[in-house]
């Protein structure tokens, strides 16, 4: 089972907003990783992120 990069790019570029929203994720700090048990989470409006 393989995938074609051009089709993956097309899917990401033309994805509907409810799917595109899930594609935007941020990694968590070490203390939040321990607390939530996850490495990254999707970013939502109002979330504070450090760049």
PDB file of N, CA and C in Angstrom:
ATOM      1  N   UNK A   1       0.840  -1.175   0.000  1.00  0.00           N
ATOM      2  CA  UNK A   1       0.000   0.000   0.000  1.00  0.00           C
ATOM      3  C   UNK A   1       0.886   1.239   0.000  1.00  0.00           C
ATOM      4  N   UNK A   2       0.740   2.071  -1.010  1.00  0.00           N
ATOM      5  CA  UNK A   2       1.532   3.284  -1.097  1.00  0.00           C
ATOM      6  C   UNK A   2       0.629   4.492  -1.234  1.00  0.00           C
ATOM      7  N   UNK A   3       1.244   5.625  -1.383  1.00  0.00           N
ATOM      8  CA  UNK A   3       0.455   6.826  -1.603  1.00  0.00           C
ATOM      9  C   UNK A   3       1.233   7.741  -2.533  1.00  0.00           C
ATOM     10  N   UNK A   4       0.516   8.587  -3.230  1.00  0.00           N
ATOM     11  CA  UNK A   4       1.138   9.518  -4.156  1.00  0.00           C
ATOM     12  C   UNK A   4       1.179  10.897  -3.510  1.00  0.00           C
ATOM     13  N   UNK A   5       2.379  11.480  -3.377  1.00  0.00           N
ATOM     14  CA  UNK A   5       2.492  12.785  -2.725  1.00  0.00           C
ATOM     15  C   UNK A   5       1.607  13.859  -3.354  1.00  0.00           C
ATOM     16  N   UNK A   6       1.474  13.847  -4.669  1.00  0.00           N
ATOM     17  CA  UNK A   6       0.658  14.900  -5.288  1.00  0.00           C
ATOM     18  C   UNK A   6      -0.803  14.785  -4.878  1.00  0.00           C
ATOM     19  N   UNK A   7      -1.283  13.543  -4.689  1.00  0.00           N
ATOM     20  CA  UNK A   7      -2.673  13.362  -4.267  1.00  0.00           C
ATOM     21  C   UNK A   7      -2.849  13.754  -2.804  1.00  0.00           C
ATOM     22  N   UNK A   8      -1.829  13.514  -1.987  1.00  0.00           N
ATOM     23  CA  UNK A   8      -1.887  13.932  -0.587  1.00  0.00           C
ATOM     24  C   UNK A   8      -1.907  15.454  -0.493  1.00  0.00           C
ATOM     25  N   UNK A   9      -1.070  16.127  -1.305  1.00  0.00           N
ATOM     26  CA  UNK A   9      -1.045  17.593  -1.317  1.00  0.00           C
ATOM     27  C   UNK A   9      -2.385  18.146  -1.781  1.00  0.00           C
ATOM     28  N   UNK A  10      -2.947  17.528  -2.806  1.00  0.00           N
ATOM     29  CA  UNK A  10      -4.240  17.987  -3.317  1.00  0.00           C
ATOM     30  C   UNK A  10      -5.319  17.830  -2.255  1.00  0.00           C
ATOM     31  N   UNK A  11      -5.308  16.706  -1.546  1.00  0.00           N
ATOM     32  CA  UNK A  11      -6.291  16.476  -0.490  1.00  0.00           C
ATOM     33  C   UNK A  11      -6.179  17.541   0.597  1.00  0.00           C
ATOM     34  N   UNK A  12      -4.946  17.844   1.015  1.00  0.00           N
ATOM     35  CA  UNK A  12      -4.757  18.842   2.072  1.00  0.00           C
ATOM     36  C   UNK A  12      -5.165  20.233   1.608  1.00  0.00           C
ATOM     37  N   UNK A  13      -4.894  20.560   0.346  1.00  0.00           N
ATOM     38  CA  UNK A  13      -5.199  21.892  -0.170  1.00  0.00           C
ATOM     39  C   UNK A  13      -6.688  22.083  -0.408  1.00  0.00           C
ATOM     40  N   UNK A  14      -7.383  21.018  -0.801  1.00  0.00           N
ATOM     41  CA  UNK A  14      -8.794  21.164  -1.152  1.00  0.00           C
ATOM     42  C   UNK A  14      -9.729  20.567  -0.100  1.00  0.00           C
ATOM     43  N   UNK A  15      -9.194  20.252   1.067  1.00  0.00           N
ATOM     44  CA  UNK A  15     -10.013  19.645   2.119  1.00  0.00           C
ATOM     45  C   UNK A  15     -11.026  20.656   2.656  1.00  0.00           C
ATOM     46  N   UNK A  16     -12.201  20.196   3.051  1.00  0.00           N
ATOM     47  CA  UNK A  16     -13.171  21.100   3.665  1.00  0.00           C
ATOM     48  C   UNK A  16     -12.671  21.592   5.030  1.00  0.00           C
ATOM     49  N   UNK A  17     -13.238  22.683   5.489  1.00  0.00           N
ATOM     50  CA  UNK A  17     -12.735  23.334   6.702  1.00  0.00           C
ATOM     51  C   UNK A  17     -12.805  22.444   7.935  1.00  0.00           C
ATOM     52  N   UNK A  18     -13.833  21.608   8.064  1.00  0.00           N
ATOM     53  CA  UNK A  18     -13.946  20.790   9.266  1.00  0.00           C
ATOM     54  C   UNK A  18     -12.851  19.731   9.314  1.00  0.00           C
ATOM     55  N   UNK A  19     -12.293  19.364   8.182  1.00  0.00           N
ATOM     56  CA  UNK A  19     -11.169  18.424   8.165  1.00  0.00           C
ATOM     57  C   UNK A  19      -9.851  19.183   8.266  1.00  0.00           C
ATOM     58  N   UNK A  20      -9.784  20.334   7.603  1.00  0.00           N
ATOM     59  CA  UNK A  20      -8.554  21.130   7.629  1.00  0.00           C
ATOM     60  C   UNK A  20      -8.240  21.608   9.043  1.00  0.00           C
ATOM     61  N   UNK A  21      -9.280  21.822   9.833  1.00  0.00           N
ATOM     62  CA  UNK A  21      -9.102  22.260  11.216  1.00  0.00           C
ATOM     63  C   UNK A  21      -8.316  21.219  12.014  1.00  0.00           C
ATOM     64  N   UNK A  22      -8.556  19.936  11.753  1.00  0.00           N
ATOM     65  CA  UNK A  22      -7.870  18.874  12.475  1.00  0.00           C
ATOM     66  C   UNK A  22      -6.415  18.739  12.060  1.00  0.00           C
ATOM     67  N   UNK A  23      -6.072  19.277  10.891  1.00  0.00           N
ATOM     68  CA  UNK A  23      -4.702  19.174  10.394  1.00  0.00           C
ATOM     69  C   UNK A  23      -3.763  20.133  11.121  1.00  0.00           C
ATOM     70  N   UNK A  24      -4.314  21.176  11.715  1.00  0.00           N
ATOM     71  CA  UNK A  24      -3.494  22.169  12.408  1.00  0.00           C
ATOM     72  C   UNK A  24      -3.342  21.730  13.855  1.00  0.00           C
ATOM     73  N   UNK A  25      -2.167  21.204  14.191  1.00  0.00           N
ATOM     74  CA  UNK A  25      -1.920  20.714  15.545  1.00  0.00           C
ATOM     75  C   UNK A  25      -0.622  21.313  16.072  1.00  0.00           C
ATOM     76  N   UNK A  26      -0.492  21.355  17.380  1.00  0.00           N
ATOM     77  CA  UNK A  26       0.709  21.880  18.021  1.00  0.00           C
ATOM     78  C   UNK A  26       1.212  20.875  19.052  1.00  0.00           C
ATOM     79  N   UNK A  27       2.531  20.791  19.183  1.00  0.00           N
ATOM     80  CA  UNK A  27       3.104  19.911  20.196  1.00  0.00           C
ATOM     81  C   UNK A  27       2.933  20.545  21.571  1.00  0.00           C
ATOM     82  N   UNK A  28       2.878  19.715  22.579  1.00  0.00           N
ATOM     83  CA  UNK A  28       2.648  20.182  23.942  1.00  0.00           C
ATOM     84  C   UNK A  28       3.956  20.275  24.718  1.00  0.00           C
ATOM     85  N   UNK A  29       3.956  21.107  25.747  1.00  0.00           N
ATOM     86  CA  UNK A  29       5.112  21.183  26.635  1.00  0.00           C
ATOM     87  C   UNK A  29       5.187  19.902  27.461  1.00  0.00           C
ATOM     88  N   UNK A  30       6.328  19.694  28.102  1.00  0.00           N
ATOM     89  CA  UNK A  30       6.542  18.437  28.830  1.00  0.00           C
ATOM     90  C   UNK A  30       5.532  18.236  29.952  1.00  0.00           C
ATOM     91  N   UNK A  31       5.211  19.311  30.679  1.00  0.00           N
ATOM     92  CA  UNK A  31       4.256  19.153  31.780  1.00  0.00           C
ATOM     93  C   UNK A  31       2.840  18.880  31.262  1.00  0.00           C
ATOM     94  N   UNK A  32       2.463  19.509  30.148  1.00  0.00           N
ATOM     95  CA  UNK A  32       1.143  19.227  29.572  1.00  0.00           C
ATOM     96  C   UNK A  32       1.090  17.824  28.983  1.00  0.00           C
ATOM     97  N   UNK A  33       2.220  17.349  28.450  1.00  0.00           N
ATOM     98  CA  UNK A  33       2.274  15.978  27.929  1.00  0.00           C
ATOM     99  C   UNK A  33       1.972  14.969  29.021  1.00  0.00           C
ATOM    100  N   UNK A  34       2.567  15.190  30.190  1.00  0.00           N
ATOM    101  CA  UNK A  34       2.318  14.283  31.316  1.00  0.00           C
ATOM    102  C   UNK A  34       0.857  14.358  31.756  1.00  0.00           C
ATOM    103  N   UNK A  35       0.340  15.577  31.827  1.00  0.00           N
ATOM    104  CA  UNK A  35      -1.024  15.782  32.318  1.00  0.00           C
ATOM    105  C   UNK A  35      -2.064  15.170  31.374  1.00  0.00           C
ATOM    106  N   UNK A  36      -1.894  15.386  30.069  1.00  0.00           N
ATOM    107  CA  UNK A  36      -2.894  14.939  29.097  1.00  0.00           C
ATOM    108  C   UNK A  36      -2.595  13.571  28.495  1.00  0.00           C
ATOM    109  N   UNK A  37      -1.339  13.134  28.601  1.00  0.00           N
ATOM    110  CA  UNK A  37      -0.977  11.839  28.038  1.00  0.00           C
ATOM    111  C   UNK A  37      -0.928  11.831  26.518  1.00  0.00           C
ATOM    112  N   UNK A  38      -0.714  12.996  25.931  1.00  0.00           N
ATOM    113  CA  UNK A  38      -0.625  13.116  24.473  1.00  0.00           C
ATOM    114  C   UNK A  38       0.564  13.976  24.112  1.00  0.00           C
ATOM    115  N   UNK A  39       1.044  13.820  22.889  1.00  0.00           N
ATOM    116  CA  UNK A  39       2.199  14.590  22.445  1.00  0.00           C
ATOM    117  C   UNK A  39       1.784  15.885  21.740  1.00  0.00           C
ATOM    118  N   UNK A  40       0.663  15.841  21.040  1.00  0.00           N
ATOM    119  CA  UNK A  40       0.184  17.037  20.353  1.00  0.00           C
ATOM    120  C   UNK A  40      -1.343  17.034  20.333  1.00  0.00           C
ATOM    121  N   UNK A  41      -1.908  18.222  20.157  1.00  0.00           N
ATOM    122  CA  UNK A  41      -3.366  18.353  20.088  1.00  0.00           C
ATOM    123  C   UNK A  41      -3.716  19.358  18.993  1.00  0.00           C
ATOM    124  N   UNK A  42      -4.918  19.253  18.416  1.00  0.00           N
ATOM    125  CA  UNK A  42      -5.359  20.237  17.429  1.00  0.00           C
ATOM    126  C   UNK A  42      -5.518  21.614  18.080  1.00  0.00           C
ATOM    127  N   UNK A  43      -5.197  22.653  17.325  1.00  0.00           N
ATOM    128  CA  UNK A  43      -5.292  24.023  17.824  1.00  0.00           C
ATOM    129  C   UNK A  43      -6.681  24.555  17.508  1.00  0.00           C
ATOM    130  N   UNK A  44      -7.273  25.231  18.483  1.00  0.00           N
ATOM    131  CA  UNK A  44      -8.590  25.839  18.299  1.00  0.00           C
ATOM    132  C   UNK A  44      -8.488  27.340  18.512  1.00  0.00           C
ATOM    133  N   UNK A  45      -9.517  28.039  18.100  1.00  0.00           N
ATOM    134  CA  UNK A  45      -9.561  29.483  18.306  1.00  0.00           C
ATOM    135  C   UNK A  45      -9.542  29.774  19.801  1.00  0.00           C
ATOM    136  N   UNK A  46      -8.713  30.724  20.211  1.00  0.00           N
ATOM    137  CA  UNK A  46      -8.618  31.089  21.615  1.00  0.00           C
ATOM    138  C   UNK A  46      -7.480  30.394  22.343  1.00  0.00           C
ATOM    139  N   UNK A  47      -6.894  29.355  21.745  1.00  0.00           N
ATOM    140  CA  UNK A  47      -5.751  28.680  22.361  1.00  0.00           C
ATOM    141  C   UNK A  47      -4.533  29.590  22.305  1.00  0.00           C
ATOM    142  N   UNK A  48      -3.709  29.510  23.329  1.00  0.00           N
ATOM    143  CA  UNK A  48      -2.467  30.277  23.343  1.00  0.00           C
ATOM    144  C   UNK A  48      -1.329  29.344  22.978  1.00  0.00           C
ATOM    145  N   UNK A  49      -0.550  29.743  21.973  1.00  0.00           N
ATOM    146  CA  UNK A  49       0.577  28.925  21.526  1.00  0.00           C
ATOM    147  C   UNK A  49       1.851  29.751  21.602  1.00  0.00           C
ATOM    148  N   UNK A  50       2.940  29.051  21.832  1.00  0.00           N
ATOM    149  CA  UNK A  50       4.243  29.716  21.862  1.00  0.00           C
ATOM    150  C   UNK A  50       4.961  29.369  20.567  1.00  0.00           C
ATOM    151  N   UNK A  51       5.469  30.391  19.894  1.00  0.00           N
ATOM    152  CA  UNK A  51       6.138  30.180  18.608  1.00  0.00           C
ATOM    153  C   UNK A  51       7.644  30.296  18.785  1.00  0.00           C
TER     154      UNK A  51
END
